[in-house]
C-alpha atoms as a PDB file:
ATOM      1  CA  UNK A   1     137.428 179.121  90.843  1.00  0.00           C
ATOM      2  CA  UNK A   2     139.987 177.734  93.235  1.00  0.00           C
ATOM      3  CA  UNK A   3     143.475 178.167  91.813  1.00  0.00           C
ATOM      4  CA  UNK A   4     145.908 175.639  93.300  1.00  0.00           C
ATOM      5  CA  UNK A   5     148.771 177.506  91.627  1.00  0.00           C
ATOM      6  CA  UNK A   6     148.051 180.687  93.625  1.00  0.00           C
ATOM      7  CA  UNK A   7     150.322 180.551  96.645  1.00  0.00           C
ATOM      8  CA  UNK A   8     148.835 180.639 100.095  1.00  0.00           C
ATOM      9  CA  UNK A   9     150.621 183.082 102.386  1.00  0.00           C
ATOM     10  CA  UNK A  10     151.536 182.169 105.922  1.00  0.00           C
ATOM     11  CA  UNK A  11     154.175 182.492 108.563  1.00  0.00           C
ATOM     12  CA  UNK A  12     154.984 180.572 111.702  1.00  0.00           C
ATOM     13  CA  UNK A  13     156.889 182.248 114.514  1.00  0.00           C
ATOM     14  CA  UNK A  14     157.971 180.823 117.844  1.00  0.00           C
ATOM     15  CA  UNK A  15     157.420 183.322 120.621  1.00  0.00           C
ATOM     16  CA  UNK A  16     158.897 183.241 124.151  1.00  0.00           C
ATOM     17  CA  UNK A  17     156.306 180.826 125.542  1.00  0.00           C
ATOM     18  CA  UNK A  18     156.051 177.196 124.387  1.00  0.00           C
ATOM     19  CA  UNK A  19     153.607 178.209 121.644  1.00  0.00           C
ATOM     20  CA  UNK A  20     153.725 179.094 117.966  1.00  0.00           C
ATOM     21  CA  UNK A  21     151.987 181.963 116.248  1.00  0.00           C
ATOM     22  CA  UNK A  22     150.876 181.052 112.735  1.00  0.00           C
ATOM     23  CA  UNK A  23     149.401 183.421 110.161  1.00  0.00           C
ATOM     24  CA  UNK A  24     147.625 181.919 107.139  1.00  0.00           C
ATOM     25  CA  UNK A  25     146.052 183.971 104.367  1.00  0.00           C
ATOM     26  CA  UNK A  26     144.933 183.430 100.817  1.00  0.00           C
ATOM     27  CA  UNK A  27     142.180 183.915  98.291  1.00  0.00           C
ATOM     28  CA  UNK A  28     140.086 181.993  95.810  1.00  0.00           C
ATOM     29  CA  UNK A  29     137.061 182.632  93.611  1.00  0.00           C
ATOM     30  CA  UNK A  30     133.672 180.944  93.978  1.00  0.00           C
ATOM     31  CA  UNK A  31     131.367 180.724  90.934  1.00  0.00           C
ATOM     32  CA  UNK A  32     128.366 182.300  92.687  1.00  0.00           C
ATOM     33  CA  UNK A  33     126.989 185.719  93.656  1.00  0.00           C
ATOM     34  CA  UNK A  34     128.423 187.295  96.802  1.00  0.00           C
ATOM     35  CA  UNK A  35     125.116 187.195  98.733  1.00  0.00           C
ATOM     36  CA  UNK A  36     124.805 183.434  98.180  1.00  0.00           C
ATOM     37  CA  UNK A  37     128.410 182.770  99.237  1.00  0.00           C
ATOM     38  CA  UNK A  38     127.971 184.982 102.311  1.00  0.00           C
ATOM     39  CA  UNK A  39     124.821 183.096 103.263  1.00  0.00           C
ATOM     40  CA  UNK A  40     126.586 179.726 102.940  1.00  0.00           C
ATOM     41  CA  UNK A  41     129.523 180.889 105.067  1.00  0.00           C
ATOM     42  CA  UNK A  42     127.347 182.597 107.692  1.00  0.00           C
ATOM     43  CA  UNK A  43     125.068 179.590 108.238  1.00  0.00           C
ATOM     44  CA  UNK A  44     126.963 177.288 110.619  1.00  0.00           C
ATOM     45  CA  UNK A  45     125.206 174.119 109.423  1.00  0.00           C
ATOM     46  CA  UNK A  46     126.142 174.971 105.850  1.00  0.00           C
ATOM     47  CA  UNK A  47     129.692 176.062 106.768  1.00  0.00           C
ATOM     48  CA  UNK A  48     130.633 172.781 108.464  1.00  0.00           C
ATOM     49  CA  UNK A  49     130.079 170.909 105.178  1.00  0.00           C
ATOM     50  CA  UNK A  50     133.149 172.696 103.812  1.00  0.00           C
ATOM     51  CA  UNK A  51     135.505 171.857 106.701  1.00  0.00           C
ATOM     52  CA  UNK A  52     136.696 168.278 106.794  1.00  0.00           C
ATOM     53  CA  UNK A  53     136.597 166.658 110.232  1.00  0.00           C
ATOM     54  CA  UNK A  54     133.910 168.796 111.917  1.00  0.00           C
ATOM     55  CA  UNK A  55     131.101 166.982 113.745  1.00  0.00           C
ATOM     56  CA  UNK A  56     128.593 167.421 116.569  1.00  0.00           C
ATOM     57  CA  UNK A  57     127.867 171.092 115.822  1.00  0.00           C
ATOM     58  CA  UNK A  58     125.759 172.785 118.507  1.00  0.00           C
ATOM     59  CA  UNK A  59     124.440 176.333 118.262  1.00  0.00           C
ATOM     60  CA  UNK A  60     124.573 178.035 121.655  1.00  0.00           C
ATOM     61  CA  UNK A  61     123.105 181.276 120.280  1.00  0.00           C
ATOM     62  CA  UNK A  62     123.307 183.040 116.867  1.00  0.00           C
ATOM     63  CA  UNK A  63     126.962 184.006 117.416  1.00  0.00           C
ATOM     64  CA  UNK A  64     128.327 181.110 119.542  1.00  0.00           C
ATOM     65  CA  UNK A  65     128.871 177.490 118.501  1.00  0.00           C
ATOM     66  CA  UNK A  66     130.509 174.328 119.799  1.00  0.00           C
ATOM     67  CA  UNK A  67     131.746 171.386 117.747  1.00  0.00           C
ATOM     68  CA  UNK A  68     134.218 168.535 117.586  1.00  0.00           C
ATOM     69  CA  UNK A  69     137.070 168.754 115.098  1.00  0.00           C
ATOM     70  CA  UNK A  70     139.237 165.771 114.212  1.00  0.00           C
ATOM     71  CA  UNK A  71     142.346 165.909 112.053  1.00  0.00           C
ATOM     72  CA  UNK A  72     145.622 164.144 111.491  1.00  0.00           C
ATOM     73  CA  UNK A  73     148.815 166.194 111.530  1.00  0.00           C
ATOM     74  CA  UNK A  74     151.887 164.223 110.505  1.00  0.00           C
ATOM     75  CA  UNK A  75     151.477 160.874 112.219  1.00  0.00           C
ATOM     76  CA  UNK A  76     149.426 162.226 115.137  1.00  0.00           C
ATOM     77  CA  UNK A  77     145.633 162.247 115.194  1.00  0.00           C
ATOM     78  CA  UNK A  78     144.067 165.141 117.115  1.00  0.00           C
ATOM     79  CA  UNK A  79     140.490 165.559 118.310  1.00  0.00           C
ATOM     80  CA  UNK A  80     139.513 169.043 119.501  1.00  0.00           C
ATOM     81  CA  UNK A  81     136.589 170.416 121.464  1.00  0.00           C
ATOM     82  CA  UNK A  82     136.083 173.705 119.594  1.00  0.00           C
ATOM     83  CA  UNK A  83     134.160 176.868 120.420  1.00  0.00           C
ATOM     84  CA  UNK A  84     133.502 179.568 117.827  1.00  0.00           C
ATOM     85  CA  UNK A  85     132.332 183.110 118.467  1.00  0.00           C
ATOM     86  CA  UNK A  86     131.272 185.283 115.535  1.00  0.00           C
ATOM     87  CA  UNK A  87     132.695 188.637 116.641  1.00  0.00           C
ATOM     88  CA  UNK A  88     131.719 190.836 113.682  1.00  0.00           C
ATOM     89  CA  UNK A  89     129.474 190.574 110.647  1.00  0.00           C
ATOM     90  CA  UNK A  90     129.128 193.103 107.833  1.00  0.00           C
ATOM     91  CA  UNK A  91     126.676 191.538 105.410  1.00  0.00           C
ATOM     92  CA  UNK A  92     127.537 190.599 102.661  1.00  0.00           C
ATOM     93  CA  UNK A  93     131.195 191.624 102.883  1.00  0.00           C
ATOM     94  CA  UNK A  94     132.914 190.335 106.053  1.00  0.00           C
ATOM     95  CA  UNK A  95     132.759 187.736 108.791  1.00  0.00           C
ATOM     96  CA  UNK A  96     135.170 187.778 111.707  1.00  0.00           C
ATOM     97  CA  UNK A  97     135.365 184.991 114.280  1.00  0.00           C
ATOM     98  CA  UNK A  98     137.342 183.833 117.279  1.00  0.00           C
ATOM     99  CA  UNK A  99     138.040 180.098 117.581  1.00  0.00           C
ATOM    100  CA  UNK A 100     139.320 178.184 120.596  1.00  0.00           C
ATOM    101  CA  UNK A 101     140.123 174.504 120.620  1.00  0.00           C
ATOM    102  CA  UNK A 102     141.363 172.101 123.239  1.00  0.00           C
ATOM    103  CA  UNK A 103     142.791 168.805 122.000  1.00  0.00           C
ATOM    104  CA  UNK A 104     141.290 165.871 123.864  1.00  0.00           C
ATOM    105  CA  UNK A 105     143.840 163.569 125.450  1.00  0.00           C
ATOM    106  CA  UNK A 106     146.789 165.870 124.712  1.00  0.00           C
ATOM    107  CA  UNK A 107     148.067 168.912 126.568  1.00  0.00           C
ATOM    108  CA  UNK A 108     147.739 171.982 124.394  1.00  0.00           C
ATOM    109  CA  UNK A 109     145.506 174.709 123.059  1.00  0.00           C
ATOM    110  CA  UNK A 110     144.560 176.331 119.778  1.00  0.00           C
ATOM    111  CA  UNK A 111     143.305 179.896 119.648  1.00  0.00           C
ATOM    112  CA  UNK A 112     142.620 181.699 116.398  1.00  0.00           C
ATOM    113  CA  UNK A 113     141.080 184.817 114.928  1.00  0.00           C
ATOM    114  CA  UNK A 114     139.768 184.637 111.380  1.00  0.00           C
ATOM    115  CA  UNK A 115     138.625 187.308 108.968  1.00  0.00           C
ATOM    116  CA  UNK A 116     136.863 186.452 105.713  1.00  0.00           C
ATOM    117  CA  UNK A 117     136.172 189.127 103.104  1.00  0.00           C
ATOM    118  CA  UNK A 118     133.916 188.709 100.084  1.00  0.00           C
ATOM    119  CA  UNK A 119     134.108 190.877  96.965  1.00  0.00           C
ATOM    120  CA  UNK A 120     132.153 190.829  93.723  1.00  0.00           C
ATOM    121  CA  UNK A 121     134.198 189.417  90.845  1.00  0.00           C
ATOM    122  CA  UNK A 122     131.806 189.719  87.935  1.00  0.00           C
ATOM    123  CA  UNK A 123     129.250 186.952  88.405  1.00  0.00           C
ATOM    124  CA  UNK A 124     131.545 185.218  90.890  1.00  0.00           C
ATOM    125  CA  UNK A 125     132.810 186.049  94.386  1.00  0.00           C
ATOM    126  CA  UNK A 126     136.407 186.571  95.435  1.00  0.00           C
ATOM    127  CA  UNK A 127     136.972 185.135  98.926  1.00  0.00           C
ATOM    128  CA  UNK A 128     139.966 186.538 100.829  1.00  0.00           C
ATOM    129  CA  UNK A 129     140.788 185.086 104.220  1.00  0.00           C
ATOM    130  CA  UNK A 130     143.271 185.602 107.013  1.00  0.00           C
ATOM    131  CA  UNK A 131     143.704 183.407 110.093  1.00  0.00           C
ATOM    132  CA  UNK A 132     146.068 184.181 112.933  1.00  0.00           C
ATOM    133  CA  UNK A 133     146.415 181.293 115.360  1.00  0.00           C
ATOM    134  CA  UNK A 134     148.437 180.348 118.388  1.00  0.00           C
ATOM    135  CA  UNK A 135     149.317 176.702 118.857  1.00  0.00           C
ATOM    136  CA  UNK A 136     150.484 175.562 122.275  1.00  0.00           C
ATOM    137  CA  UNK A 137     151.551 172.237 123.728  1.00  0.00           C
ATOM    138  CA  UNK A 138     152.178 169.156 121.594  1.00  0.00           C
ATOM    139  CA  UNK A 139     150.411 170.702 118.600  1.00  0.00           C
ATOM    140  CA  UNK A 140     152.716 173.722 118.648  1.00  0.00           C
ATOM    141  CA  UNK A 141     155.796 171.535 118.870  1.00  0.00           C
ATOM    142  CA  UNK A 142     155.110 169.607 115.653  1.00  0.00           C
ATOM    143  CA  UNK A 143     157.071 172.042 113.531  1.00  0.00           C
ATOM    144  CA  UNK A 144     156.662 174.620 110.817  1.00  0.00           C
ATOM    145  CA  UNK A 145     156.887 172.437 107.659  1.00  0.00           C
ATOM    146  CA  UNK A 146     154.283 169.978 108.930  1.00  0.00           C
ATOM    147  CA  UNK A 147     151.858 172.697 110.012  1.00  0.00           C
ATOM    148  CA  UNK A 148     152.337 174.541 106.710  1.00  0.00           C
ATOM    149  CA  UNK A 149     151.504 171.407 104.747  1.00  0.00           C
ATOM    150  CA  UNK A 150     148.387 170.743 106.844  1.00  0.00           C
ATOM    151  CA  UNK A 151     147.207 174.365 106.471  1.00  0.00           C
ATOM    152  CA  UNK A 152     147.676 174.134 102.698  1.00  0.00           C
ATOM    153  CA  UNK A 153     145.705 170.869 102.517  1.00  0.00           C
ATOM    154  CA  UNK A 154     142.855 172.261 104.625  1.00  0.00           C
ATOM    155  CA  UNK A 155     142.650 175.448 102.532  1.00  0.00           C
ATOM    156  CA  UNK A 156     142.522 173.494  99.268  1.00  0.00           C
ATOM    157  CA  UNK A 157     139.825 171.138 100.545  1.00  0.00           C
ATOM    158  CA  UNK A 158     137.721 174.000 101.944  1.00  0.00           C
ATOM    159  CA  UNK A 159     137.912 175.968  98.670  1.00  0.00           C
ATOM    160  CA  UNK A 160     137.154 172.842  96.616  1.00  0.00           C
ATOM    161  CA  UNK A 161     134.076 171.995  98.693  1.00  0.00           C
ATOM    162  CA  UNK A 162     132.777 175.586  98.708  1.00  0.00           C
ATOM    163  CA  UNK A 163     133.182 175.899  94.922  1.00  0.00           C
ATOM    164  CA  UNK A 164     131.542 172.495  94.388  1.00  0.00           C
ATOM    165  CA  UNK A 165     128.519 173.619  96.406  1.00  0.00           C
ATOM    166  CA  UNK A 166     127.857 176.321  93.806  1.00  0.00           C
ATOM    167  CA  UNK A 167     128.857 174.392  90.685  1.00  0.00           C
ATOM    168  CA  UNK A 168     126.059 173.993  88.155  1.00  0.00           C
ATOM    169  CA  UNK A 169     124.411 170.567  88.204  1.00  0.00           C
ATOM    170  CA  UNK A 170     125.425 168.393  85.260  1.00  0.00           C
ATOM    171  CA  UNK A 171     122.780 168.306  82.530  1.00  0.00           C
ATOM    172  CA  UNK A 172     120.852 165.101  82.165  1.00  0.00           C
ATOM    173  CA  UNK A 173     121.899 163.020  79.180  1.00  0.00           C
ATOM    174  CA  UNK A 174     119.016 162.281  76.829  1.00  0.00           C
END
């Protein structure tokens, strides 16, 4: 299960250009077999149910997707045109992807590389993830504490939704 007490690991570093490099990693457990969790994460239409703010998903081919992503960071609302490329798949253990996003109406850019690993944990699945992203423009200038808080919120919501998708249905009351 998702453990809110388990700390998420991340760092945010300003490099020489007007951009920030952010590394986010963590883990949680899903109450389902690894093959089922892998299938849910690999299927783009299933995956978007777990990420708040994603809409208009279009499959270009089996490894390339486009979508819109809308989120609020601090007091600023951002809408991104996002492209995702699945760069490596090792079923049922790993999925690696490259993500690029351009905020609409704001100068900036988001690029990220994500790696998700799945391990058997008894009858459940341990999900370990790592995302390294570069934030440029207005998004990158928001600041470390605000971006940390947003990353934490997104991770918690994703884990909650993924776990809920595999939760047993409540028994009917008779």
